[in-house]
Structure formats: C-alpha cells, structure tokens
N, C-alpha and C. Protein backbone atom coordinates (compact mmCIF):
# COMPACT_ATOMS: atom_id res chain seq x y z
N MET A 1 -1.14 8.49 -13.47
CA MET A 1 0.05 8.02 -12.80
C MET A 1 1.10 7.63 -13.84
N THR A 2 2.33 7.61 -13.42
CA THR A 2 3.43 7.38 -14.35
C THR A 2 3.94 5.95 -14.41
N GLY A 3 3.52 5.09 -13.49
CA GLY A 3 3.98 3.71 -13.50
C GLY A 3 5.41 3.54 -13.05
N ARG A 4 5.88 4.44 -12.22
CA ARG A 4 7.28 4.41 -11.76
C ARG A 4 7.63 3.17 -10.95
N LEU A 5 6.63 2.52 -10.35
CA LEU A 5 6.90 1.38 -9.48
C LEU A 5 6.44 0.05 -10.06
N VAL A 6 6.19 -0.01 -11.34
CA VAL A 6 5.68 -1.23 -11.98
C VAL A 6 6.61 -2.40 -11.71
N GLY A 7 6.02 -3.48 -11.15
CA GLY A 7 6.78 -4.70 -10.90
C GLY A 7 7.65 -4.69 -9.67
N LYS A 8 7.68 -3.60 -8.93
CA LYS A 8 8.53 -3.53 -7.73
C LYS A 8 7.72 -3.91 -6.51
N PRO A 9 8.33 -4.66 -5.58
CA PRO A 9 7.62 -5.05 -4.37
C PRO A 9 7.63 -3.93 -3.32
N ALA A 10 6.58 -3.85 -2.53
CA ALA A 10 6.51 -2.88 -1.43
C ALA A 10 5.78 -3.54 -0.26
N VAL A 11 6.38 -3.46 0.92
CA VAL A 11 5.73 -3.96 2.14
C VAL A 11 5.44 -2.73 2.99
N ILE A 12 4.17 -2.53 3.32
CA ILE A 12 3.77 -1.34 4.06
C ILE A 12 3.04 -1.77 5.32
N SER A 13 3.55 -1.30 6.46
CA SER A 13 2.88 -1.61 7.74
C SER A 13 2.03 -0.42 8.15
N GLY A 14 1.05 -0.67 8.98
CA GLY A 14 0.17 0.40 9.42
C GLY A 14 -0.73 0.88 8.30
N ARG A 15 -1.22 -0.03 7.49
CA ARG A 15 -1.96 0.31 6.29
C ARG A 15 -3.41 0.72 6.55
N ALA A 16 -3.99 0.37 7.68
CA ALA A 16 -5.42 0.54 7.90
C ALA A 16 -5.87 2.00 7.90
N ALA A 17 -5.02 2.89 8.31
CA ALA A 17 -5.45 4.29 8.40
C ALA A 17 -4.25 5.22 8.22
N GLY A 18 -4.54 6.47 8.00
CA GLY A 18 -3.52 7.50 7.97
C GLY A 18 -2.52 7.37 6.83
N LEU A 19 -1.28 7.67 7.14
CA LEU A 19 -0.22 7.71 6.14
C LEU A 19 0.02 6.35 5.48
N GLY A 20 -0.07 5.27 6.24
CA GLY A 20 0.11 3.93 5.66
C GLY A 20 -0.93 3.62 4.59
N ARG A 21 -2.17 4.03 4.85
CA ARG A 21 -3.25 3.81 3.88
C ARG A 21 -3.00 4.59 2.60
N VAL A 22 -2.69 5.86 2.73
CA VAL A 22 -2.44 6.71 1.57
C VAL A 22 -1.24 6.19 0.78
N THR A 23 -0.18 5.82 1.48
CA THR A 23 1.03 5.32 0.83
C THR A 23 0.74 4.05 0.04
N SER A 24 0.03 3.10 0.65
CA SER A 24 -0.25 1.84 -0.05
C SER A 24 -1.11 2.06 -1.30
N LEU A 25 -2.07 2.97 -1.21
CA LEU A 25 -2.91 3.26 -2.37
C LEU A 25 -2.10 3.91 -3.50
N LEU A 26 -1.24 4.85 -3.15
CA LEU A 26 -0.41 5.51 -4.17
C LEU A 26 0.59 4.54 -4.80
N PHE A 27 1.21 3.69 -3.99
CA PHE A 27 2.15 2.70 -4.53
C PHE A 27 1.44 1.76 -5.49
N ALA A 28 0.24 1.32 -5.11
CA ALA A 28 -0.52 0.42 -5.98
C ALA A 28 -0.89 1.11 -7.29
N LYS A 29 -1.28 2.36 -7.23
CA LYS A 29 -1.63 3.11 -8.45
C LYS A 29 -0.42 3.29 -9.36
N GLU A 30 0.78 3.31 -8.76
CA GLU A 30 2.01 3.43 -9.54
C GLU A 30 2.50 2.09 -10.07
N GLY A 31 1.78 0.99 -9.73
CA GLY A 31 2.10 -0.31 -10.29
C GLY A 31 2.87 -1.25 -9.39
N ALA A 32 3.13 -0.87 -8.16
CA ALA A 32 3.88 -1.74 -7.25
C ALA A 32 3.04 -2.94 -6.82
N CYS A 33 3.71 -4.03 -6.49
CA CYS A 33 3.07 -5.19 -5.89
C CYS A 33 3.10 -4.95 -4.39
N VAL A 34 1.97 -4.59 -3.81
CA VAL A 34 1.92 -4.12 -2.43
C VAL A 34 1.45 -5.21 -1.47
N ALA A 35 2.22 -5.43 -0.41
CA ALA A 35 1.83 -6.30 0.70
C ALA A 35 1.54 -5.38 1.88
N ILE A 36 0.36 -5.53 2.48
CA ILE A 36 -0.02 -4.66 3.57
C ILE A 36 -0.11 -5.43 4.87
N ILE A 37 0.30 -4.77 5.95
CA ILE A 37 0.30 -5.38 7.28
C ILE A 37 -0.28 -4.37 8.26
N ASP A 38 -1.23 -4.82 9.08
CA ASP A 38 -1.77 -3.95 10.11
C ASP A 38 -2.47 -4.78 11.17
N LEU A 39 -2.43 -4.31 12.39
CA LEU A 39 -3.09 -5.00 13.49
C LEU A 39 -4.60 -4.79 13.47
N GLN A 40 -5.06 -3.75 12.79
CA GLN A 40 -6.49 -3.44 12.71
C GLN A 40 -7.07 -4.05 11.44
N PHE A 41 -7.13 -5.37 11.39
CA PHE A 41 -7.56 -6.09 10.19
C PHE A 41 -8.94 -5.64 9.70
N LYS A 42 -9.85 -5.32 10.61
CA LYS A 42 -11.21 -4.94 10.23
C LYS A 42 -11.22 -3.69 9.35
N LEU A 43 -10.24 -2.80 9.50
CA LEU A 43 -10.19 -1.58 8.70
C LEU A 43 -9.64 -1.82 7.30
N ILE A 44 -8.92 -2.91 7.09
CA ILE A 44 -8.33 -3.20 5.78
C ILE A 44 -9.36 -3.81 4.85
N VAL A 45 -10.16 -4.72 5.35
CA VAL A 45 -11.08 -5.50 4.52
C VAL A 45 -12.24 -4.65 4.02
C-alpha cells in the first residue's frame, strides 16, 4: 500500500458486510484513522 491516507479521518457506515467492509479495510491499510458504524454489531466484532 502507498499510505495515501495516513493521518486522515474516515467515517464509514455499513461496515459489517459488503462494500462498507471492503472500503474500511482498504482505508485502514492506507493509513486512515477509521471509525466504523453499523447496525449489525455482531458482524463487526
């Protein structure tokens, strides 16, 4: 990864599955400080 998002905040909703999950993982790998929100809490933990 290139670290393009190092130190930048990101709030992602719908993180438990699908596109939200993939997006949050990629943002984190790029160095972003990721806050995740989802109604399906059991899938996040």
